Amino acid sequence: MDEDIKKELEDSFTYHFFFNHGVYDEFIHYEDLINETEKFLKTKYSEISNSKDDDIIDERFGKKMQYTEIFPEILWKSIFLSIYFLLENSLDQICKNLRKSNSYNLTLKDISGNGIFRSSLYLKKVCNLKAPFESNTWTEINNFNKIRNVLVHSDGILSKSVTDTIKICKKYNQIELKEYDEDNFIIEINSEFCKFSLKKIEKTITHIHSEMQNHKKNI
């Protein structure tokens, strides 16, 4: 393949296709998933709200409890983590795309750290894309990272001694810290937090995309 054509295709994927026919579509799918999950939970609860489960003696194990407490907790936690993983994977892929299109010597693996902090460092130091990581939105993303870590590493159980993460959780009305035992809280999130985090993550990716295009024009 002619090198000019190859370069044009690589740039098209890096600066256009990956976003407009990839990650932006993913955001739409997640928005739909959140809305459909809300409808599902409301519909199921409505169906069983006037019924009687004669087989259940202890209401803690009844359908009402499942659809108001147990299932929502599992679903919203899973959806939030999936949204966060989309951010993490998207940032990694943006780094790889830019490296290929611009023939940077350093690869993502050459940067210390992991997750969103490694990819953001690559984008700042190697790709010279700094503005998205100096914004209030990126501060929110850092908060999401701390919440994500508690959900992943301890299934949402947060020690009362971890005051910085507790302070972060209390910033958000969509997060509830419930008493788990004498020494721990447990983090519970709802659909509104999933919507909020999706919006902030989409804003960050859009900002990066815009900076990429501006940077390309100025080269």
C-alpha atoms as a PDB file:
ATOM      1  CA  MET A   1       0.000   0.000   0.000  1.00  0.00           C
ATOM      2  CA  ASP A   2       1.214   3.497  -0.823  1.00  0.00           C
ATOM      3  CA  GLU A   3       2.614   5.142   2.328  1.00  0.00           C
ATOM      4  CA  ASP A   4       0.551   8.301   1.843  1.00  0.00           C
ATOM      5  CA  ILE A   5      -2.665   6.295   1.594  1.00  0.00           C
ATOM      6  CA  LYS A   6      -1.690   4.222   4.629  1.00  0.00           C
ATOM      7  CA  LYS A   7      -1.003   7.383   6.629  1.00  0.00           C
ATOM      8  CA  GLU A   8      -4.327   8.883   5.548  1.00  0.00           C
ATOM      9  CA  LEU A   9      -6.195   5.751   6.679  1.00  0.00           C
ATOM     10  CA  GLU A  10      -4.398   5.688  10.019  1.00  0.00           C
ATOM     11  CA  ASP A  11      -5.196   9.355  10.618  1.00  0.00           C
ATOM     12  CA  SER A  12      -8.812   8.821   9.613  1.00  0.00           C
ATOM     13  CA  PHE A  13      -9.148   6.039  12.184  1.00  0.00           C
ATOM     14  CA  THR A  14      -7.283   7.946  14.918  1.00  0.00           C
ATOM     15  CA  TYR A  15      -9.008  11.314  14.543  1.00  0.00           C
ATOM     16  CA  HIS A  16     -12.436  10.336  13.205  1.00  0.00           C
ATOM     17  CA  PHE A  17     -13.551   6.724  13.019  1.00  0.00           C
ATOM     18  CA  PHE A  18     -12.504   5.649  16.516  1.00  0.00           C
ATOM     19  CA  PHE A  19     -14.610   8.439  18.029  1.00  0.00           C
ATOM     20  CA  ASN A  20     -17.551   8.958  15.678  1.00  0.00           C
ATOM     21  CA  HIS A  21     -18.147   5.292  14.879  1.00  0.00           C
ATOM     22  CA  GLY A  22     -16.751   3.790  18.065  1.00  0.00           C
ATOM     23  CA  VAL A  23     -16.632   5.267  21.531  1.00  0.00           C
ATOM     24  CA  TYR A  24     -19.395   7.852  20.966  1.00  0.00           C
ATOM     25  CA  ASP A  25     -21.713   5.019  19.943  1.00  0.00           C
ATOM     26  CA  GLU A  26     -20.731   3.204  23.138  1.00  0.00           C
ATOM     27  CA  PHE A  27     -21.865   6.192  25.184  1.00  0.00           C
ATOM     28  CA  ILE A  28     -25.272   6.051  23.497  1.00  0.00           C
ATOM     29  CA  HIS A  29     -25.539   2.340  24.251  1.00  0.00           C
ATOM     30  CA  TYR A  30     -24.756   2.926  27.920  1.00  0.00           C
ATOM     31  CA  GLU A  31     -27.280   5.752  28.139  1.00  0.00           C
ATOM     32  CA  ASP A  32     -29.892   3.414  26.680  1.00  0.00           C
ATOM     33  CA  LEU A  33     -28.805   0.631  29.038  1.00  0.00           C
ATOM     34  CA  ILE A  34     -29.291   2.856  32.088  1.00  0.00           C
ATOM     35  CA  ASN A  35     -32.732   3.971  30.902  1.00  0.00           C
ATOM     36  CA  GLU A  36     -33.839   0.439  30.032  1.00  0.00           C
ATOM     37  CA  THR A  37     -32.578  -0.891  33.363  1.00  0.00           C
ATOM     38  CA  GLU A  38     -34.590   1.764  35.201  1.00  0.00           C
ATOM     39  CA  LYS A  39     -37.699   0.780  33.240  1.00  0.00           C
ATOM     40  CA  PHE A  40     -37.085  -2.915  33.879  1.00  0.00           C
ATOM     41  CA  LEU A  41     -36.759  -2.466  37.640  1.00  0.00           C
ATOM     42  CA  LYS A  42     -39.834  -0.239  37.855  1.00  0.00           C
ATOM     43  CA  THR A  43     -41.904  -2.610  35.723  1.00  0.00           C
ATOM     44  CA  LYS A  44     -40.908  -5.689  37.689  1.00  0.00           C
ATOM     45  CA  TYR A  45     -41.562  -3.975  40.995  1.00  0.00           C
ATOM     46  CA  SER A  46     -44.967  -2.826  39.759  1.00  0.00           C
ATOM     47  CA  GLU A  47     -45.816  -6.384  38.726  1.00  0.00           C
ATOM     48  CA  ILE A  48     -45.095  -7.837  42.132  1.00  0.00           C
ATOM     49  CA  SER A  49     -46.088  -4.900  44.362  1.00  0.00           C
ATOM     50  CA  ASN A  50     -49.665  -6.145  44.765  1.00  0.00           C
ATOM     51  CA  SER A  51     -48.910  -9.838  44.663  1.00  0.00           C
ATOM     52  CA  LYS A  52     -48.240 -12.106  47.624  1.00  0.00           C
ATOM     53  CA  ASP A  53     -45.374 -14.562  47.662  1.00  0.00           C
ATOM     54  CA  ASP A  54     -46.740 -17.339  49.837  1.00  0.00           C
ATOM     55  CA  ASP A  55     -43.518 -19.305  49.583  1.00  0.00           C
ATOM     56  CA  ILE A  56     -41.485 -16.578  51.300  1.00  0.00           C
ATOM     57  CA  ILE A  57     -41.867 -16.343  55.061  1.00  0.00           C
ATOM     58  CA  ASP A  58     -39.069 -13.821  55.638  1.00  0.00           C
ATOM     59  CA  GLU A  59     -39.639 -10.636  53.592  1.00  0.00           C
ATOM     60  CA  ARG A  60     -35.859 -10.105  53.413  1.00  0.00           C
ATOM     61  CA  PHE A  61     -35.867 -12.762  50.701  1.00  0.00           C
ATOM     62  CA  GLY A  62     -39.031 -11.681  48.896  1.00  0.00           C
ATOM     63  CA  LYS A  63     -39.361 -10.278  45.398  1.00  0.00           C
ATOM     64  CA  LYS A  64     -40.032  -6.757  46.643  1.00  0.00           C
ATOM     65  CA  MET A  65     -36.744  -6.710  48.489  1.00  0.00           C
ATOM     66  CA  GLN A  66     -34.962  -8.102  45.442  1.00  0.00           C
ATOM     67  CA  TYR A  67     -36.278  -5.425  43.083  1.00  0.00           C
ATOM     68  CA  THR A  68     -35.920  -2.492  45.483  1.00  0.00           C
ATOM     69  CA  GLU A  69     -32.612  -3.318  47.182  1.00  0.00           C
ATOM     70  CA  ILE A  70     -30.667  -6.350  46.001  1.00  0.00           C
ATOM     71  CA  PHE A  71     -30.951  -6.243  42.203  1.00  0.00           C
ATOM     72  CA  PRO A  72     -30.526  -2.447  41.853  1.00  0.00           C
ATOM     73  CA  GLU A  73     -27.391  -2.533  44.004  1.00  0.00           C
ATOM     74  CA  ILE A  74     -25.851  -5.230  41.787  1.00  0.00           C
ATOM     75  CA  LEU A  75     -26.948  -3.665  38.505  1.00  0.00           C
ATOM     76  CA  TRP A  76     -25.905  -0.063  39.165  1.00  0.00           C
ATOM     77  CA  LYS A  77     -22.549  -1.130  40.536  1.00  0.00           C
ATOM     78  CA  SER A  78     -21.946  -3.312  37.479  1.00  0.00           C
ATOM     79  CA  ILE A  79     -22.996  -0.580  35.050  1.00  0.00           C
ATOM     80  CA  PHE A  80     -20.818   2.043  36.734  1.00  0.00           C
ATOM     81  CA  LEU A  81     -17.798  -0.267  36.601  1.00  0.00           C
ATOM     82  CA  SER A  82     -18.470  -1.021  32.931  1.00  0.00           C
ATOM     83  CA  ILE A  83     -18.631   2.701  32.152  1.00  0.00           C
ATOM     84  CA  TYR A  84     -15.358   3.242  33.986  1.00  0.00           C
ATOM     85  CA  PHE A  85     -13.720   0.373  32.094  1.00  0.00           C
ATOM     86  CA  LEU A  86     -14.898   1.991  28.850  1.00  0.00           C
ATOM     87  CA  LEU A  87     -13.052   5.158  29.875  1.00  0.00           C
ATOM     88  CA  GLU A  88      -9.927   3.204  30.789  1.00  0.00           C
ATOM     89  CA  ASN A  89      -9.887   1.196  27.559  1.00  0.00           C
ATOM     90  CA  SER A  90     -10.694   4.244  25.428  1.00  0.00           C
ATOM     91  CA  LEU A  91      -7.820   6.269  26.875  1.00  0.00           C
ATOM     92  CA  ASP A  92      -5.416   3.387  26.279  1.00  0.00           C
ATOM     93  CA  GLN A  93      -6.593   3.032  22.693  1.00  0.00           C
ATOM     94  CA  ILE A  94      -6.322   6.772  22.034  1.00  0.00           C
ATOM     95  CA  CYS A  95      -2.688   6.619  23.188  1.00  0.00           C
ATOM     96  CA  LYS A  96      -1.967   3.681  20.873  1.00  0.00           C
ATOM     97  CA  ASN A  97      -3.718   5.361  17.938  1.00  0.00           C
ATOM     98  CA  LEU A  98      -1.813   8.620  18.376  1.00  0.00           C
ATOM     99  CA  ARG A  99       1.473   6.813  18.758  1.00  0.00           C
ATOM    100  CA  LYS A 100       0.906   4.984  15.477  1.00  0.00           C
ATOM    101  CA  SER A 101      -0.346   8.024  13.546  1.00  0.00           C
ATOM    102  CA  ASN A 102       2.447  10.279  14.758  1.00  0.00           C
ATOM    103  CA  SER A 103       5.260   7.705  14.964  1.00  0.00           C
ATOM    104  CA  TYR A 104       6.105   8.564  18.558  1.00  0.00           C
ATOM    105  CA  ASN A 105       9.118   6.699  19.890  1.00  0.00           C
ATOM    106  CA  LEU A 106       7.612   6.083  23.309  1.00  0.00           C
ATOM    107  CA  THR A 107       4.811   3.566  23.695  1.00  0.00           C
ATOM    108  CA  LEU A 108       2.213   3.424  26.440  1.00  0.00           C
ATOM    109  CA  LYS A 109       4.163   0.574  28.045  1.00  0.00           C
ATOM    110  CA  ASP A 110       7.149   2.888  28.443  1.00  0.00           C
ATOM    111  CA  ILE A 111       5.176   5.073  30.845  1.00  0.00           C
ATOM    112  CA  SER A 112       5.129   4.158  34.525  1.00  0.00           C
ATOM    113  CA  GLY A 113       1.875   3.639  36.371  1.00  0.00           C
ATOM    114  CA  ASN A 114      -1.328   2.004  35.244  1.00  0.00           C
ATOM    115  CA  GLY A 115      -4.924   2.662  34.296  1.00  0.00           C
ATOM    116  CA  ILE A 116      -6.145   6.175  33.574  1.00  0.00           C
ATOM    117  CA  PHE A 117      -3.110   7.766  35.240  1.00  0.00           C
ATOM    118  CA  ARG A 118      -0.660   6.103  32.880  1.00  0.00           C
ATOM    119  CA  SER A 119      -2.685   6.951  29.766  1.00  0.00           C
ATOM    120  CA  SER A 120      -3.296  10.543  30.884  1.00  0.00           C
ATOM    121  CA  LEU A 121       0.435  10.973  31.530  1.00  0.00           C
ATOM    122  CA  TYR A 122       1.185   9.654  28.022  1.00  0.00           C
ATOM    123  CA  LEU A 123      -1.313  12.042  26.474  1.00  0.00           C
ATOM    124  CA  LYS A 124       0.141  14.993  28.389  1.00  0.00           C
ATOM    125  CA  LYS A 125       3.849  14.282  28.099  1.00  0.00           C
ATOM    126  CA  VAL A 126       4.122  12.520  24.742  1.00  0.00           C
ATOM    127  CA  CYS A 127       1.111  13.814  22.797  1.00  0.00           C
ATOM    128  CA  ASN A 128       1.094  17.302  24.337  1.00  0.00           C
ATOM    129  CA  LEU A 129      -2.631  17.142  25.126  1.00  0.00           C
ATOM    130  CA  LYS A 130      -2.795  18.886  28.491  1.00  0.00           C
ATOM    131  CA  ALA A 131      -6.039  20.869  28.730  1.00  0.00           C
ATOM    132  CA  PRO A 132      -8.408  17.914  29.304  1.00  0.00           C
ATOM    133  CA  PHE A 133      -6.385  16.884  32.347  1.00  0.00           C
ATOM    134  CA  GLU A 134      -6.356  20.324  33.923  1.00  0.00           C
ATOM    135  CA  SER A 135     -10.148  20.594  34.058  1.00  0.00           C
ATOM    136  CA  ASN A 136     -12.685  20.185  36.856  1.00  0.00           C
ATOM    137  CA  THR A 137     -14.113  17.252  34.930  1.00  0.00           C
ATOM    138  CA  TRP A 138     -10.827  15.377  35.230  1.00  0.00           C
ATOM    139  CA  THR A 139     -10.966  15.981  38.986  1.00  0.00           C
ATOM    140  CA  GLU A 140     -14.335  14.210  38.951  1.00  0.00           C
ATOM    141  CA  ILE A 141     -12.771  11.346  36.994  1.00  0.00           C
ATOM    142  CA  ASN A 142     -10.134  11.013  39.702  1.00  0.00           C
ATOM    143  CA  ASN A 143     -12.941  10.746  42.247  1.00  0.00           C
ATOM    144  CA  PHE A 144     -14.558   8.011  40.173  1.00  0.00           C
ATOM    145  CA  ASN A 145     -11.261   6.154  40.258  1.00  0.00           C
ATOM    146  CA  LYS A 146     -11.263   6.059  44.053  1.00  0.00           C
ATOM    147  CA  ILE A 147     -14.861   4.876  44.146  1.00  0.00           C
ATOM    148  CA  ARG A 148     -14.117   2.278  41.487  1.00  0.00           C
ATOM    149  CA  ASN A 149     -11.190   0.939  43.515  1.00  0.00           C
ATOM    150  CA  VAL A 150     -13.376   0.365  46.568  1.00  0.00           C
ATOM    151  CA  LEU A 151     -16.038  -1.396  44.482  1.00  0.00           C
ATOM    152  CA  VAL A 152     -13.502  -3.624  42.744  1.00  0.00           C
ATOM    153  CA  HIS A 153     -11.089  -4.424  45.553  1.00  0.00           C
ATOM    154  CA  SER A 154     -13.453  -4.729  48.517  1.00  0.00           C
ATOM    155  CA  ASP A 155     -16.905  -5.083  46.913  1.00  0.00           C
ATOM    156  CA  GLY A 156     -17.886  -1.611  48.066  1.00  0.00           C
ATOM    157  CA  ILE A 157     -16.876  -2.027  51.707  1.00  0.00           C
ATOM    158  CA  LEU A 158     -15.049   1.117  52.820  1.00  0.00           C
ATOM    159  CA  SER A 159     -13.094   1.397  56.047  1.00  0.00           C
ATOM    160  CA  LYS A 160     -14.134   4.322  58.223  1.00  0.00           C
ATOM    161  CA  SER A 161     -10.459   5.202  58.521  1.00  0.00           C
ATOM    162  CA  VAL A 162     -10.205   6.082  54.802  1.00  0.00           C
ATOM    163  CA  THR A 163     -11.414   9.619  55.320  1.00  0.00           C
ATOM    164  CA  ASP A 164     -10.397  10.989  51.900  1.00  0.00           C
ATOM    165  CA  THR A 165     -12.593   8.505  50.030  1.00  0.00           C
ATOM    166  CA  ILE A 166     -15.437   8.989  52.505  1.00  0.00           C
ATOM    167  CA  LYS A 167     -15.253  12.739  51.848  1.00  0.00           C
ATOM    168  CA  ILE A 168     -15.414  12.104  48.099  1.00  0.00           C
ATOM    169  CA  CYS A 169     -18.466   9.845  48.450  1.00  0.00           C
ATOM    170  CA  LYS A 170     -20.266  12.458  50.534  1.00  0.00           C
ATOM    171  CA  LYS A 171     -19.862  14.980  47.703  1.00  0.00           C
ATOM    172  CA  TYR A 172     -22.360  13.057  45.611  1.00  0.00           C
ATOM    173  CA  ASN A 173     -26.067  12.885  46.449  1.00  0.00           C
ATOM    174  CA  GLN A 174     -26.265   9.808  44.216  1.00  0.00           C
ATOM    175  CA  ILE A 175     -23.990   7.816  46.550  1.00  0.00           C
ATOM    176  CA  GLU A 176     -25.113   6.469  49.902  1.00  0.00           C
ATOM    177  CA  LEU A 177     -22.727   5.377  52.614  1.00  0.00           C
ATOM    178  CA  LYS A 178     -24.496   2.768  54.725  1.00  0.00           C
ATOM    179  CA  GLU A 179     -23.343   1.360  58.006  1.00  0.00           C
ATOM    180  CA  TYR A 180     -21.817  -2.060  57.305  1.00  0.00           C
ATOM    181  CA  ASP A 181     -20.330  -2.820  60.710  1.00  0.00           C
ATOM    182  CA  GLU A 182     -18.501  -1.036  63.513  1.00  0.00           C
ATOM    183  CA  ASP A 183     -15.449  -0.297  61.354  1.00  0.00           C
ATOM    184  CA  ASN A 184     -16.820  -0.027  57.819  1.00  0.00           C
ATOM    185  CA  PHE A 185     -19.321   1.607  55.526  1.00  0.00           C
ATOM    186  CA  ILE A 186     -20.625   0.095  52.316  1.00  0.00           C
ATOM    187  CA  ILE A 187     -20.929   2.233  49.174  1.00  0.00           C
ATOM    188  CA  GLU A 188     -24.249   2.088  47.329  1.00  0.00           C
ATOM    189  CA  ILE A 189     -24.768   3.921  44.047  1.00  0.00           C
ATOM    190  CA  ASN A 190     -27.929   4.481  42.024  1.00  0.00           C
ATOM    191  CA  SER A 191     -28.971   5.105  38.450  1.00  0.00           C
ATOM    192  CA  GLU A 192     -28.423   8.855  38.778  1.00  0.00           C
ATOM    193  CA  PHE A 193     -24.769   8.327  39.659  1.00  0.00           C
ATOM    194  CA  CYS A 194     -24.373   6.106  36.595  1.00  0.00           C
ATOM    195  CA  LYS A 195     -25.883   8.872  34.450  1.00  0.00           C
ATOM    196  CA  PHE A 196     -23.686  11.490  36.099  1.00  0.00           C
ATOM    197  CA  SER A 197     -20.456   9.512  35.687  1.00  0.00           C
ATOM    198  CA  LEU A 198     -21.308   8.657  32.064  1.00  0.00           C
ATOM    199  CA  LYS A 199     -21.849  12.357  31.308  1.00  0.00           C
ATOM    200  CA  LYS A 200     -18.516  13.357  32.871  1.00  0.00           C
ATOM    201  CA  ILE A 201     -16.609  10.582  31.106  1.00  0.00           C
ATOM    202  CA  GLU A 202     -18.184  11.475  27.767  1.00  0.00           C
ATOM    203  CA  LYS A 203     -17.225  15.126  28.358  1.00  0.00           C
ATOM    204  CA  THR A 204     -13.617  14.124  29.000  1.00  0.00           C
ATOM    205  CA  ILE A 205     -13.348  11.988  25.859  1.00  0.00           C
ATOM    206  CA  THR A 206     -14.966  14.744  23.779  1.00  0.00           C
ATOM    207  CA  HIS A 207     -12.491  17.274  25.176  1.00  0.00           C
ATOM    208  CA  ILE A 208      -9.572  15.001  24.294  1.00  0.00           C
ATOM    209  CA  HIS A 209     -10.943  14.517  20.776  1.00  0.00           C
ATOM    210  CA  SER A 210     -11.293  18.267  20.298  1.00  0.00           C
ATOM    211  CA  GLU A 211      -7.747  18.893  21.543  1.00  0.00           C
ATOM    212  CA  MET A 212      -6.419  16.188  19.221  1.00  0.00           C
ATOM    213  CA  GLN A 213      -8.010  17.843  16.216  1.00  0.00           C
ATOM    214  CA  ASN A 214      -6.739  21.290  17.195  1.00  0.00           C
ATOM    215  CA  HIS A 215      -3.261  19.952  17.798  1.00  0.00           C
ATOM    216  CA  LYS A 216      -3.246  18.223  14.415  1.00  0.00           C
ATOM    217  CA  LYS A 217      -4.195  21.459  12.648  1.00  0.00           C
ATOM    218  CA  ASN A 218      -1.326  23.291  14.302  1.00  0.00           C
ATOM    219  CA  ILE A 219       1.357  20.773  13.391  1.00  0.00           C
END
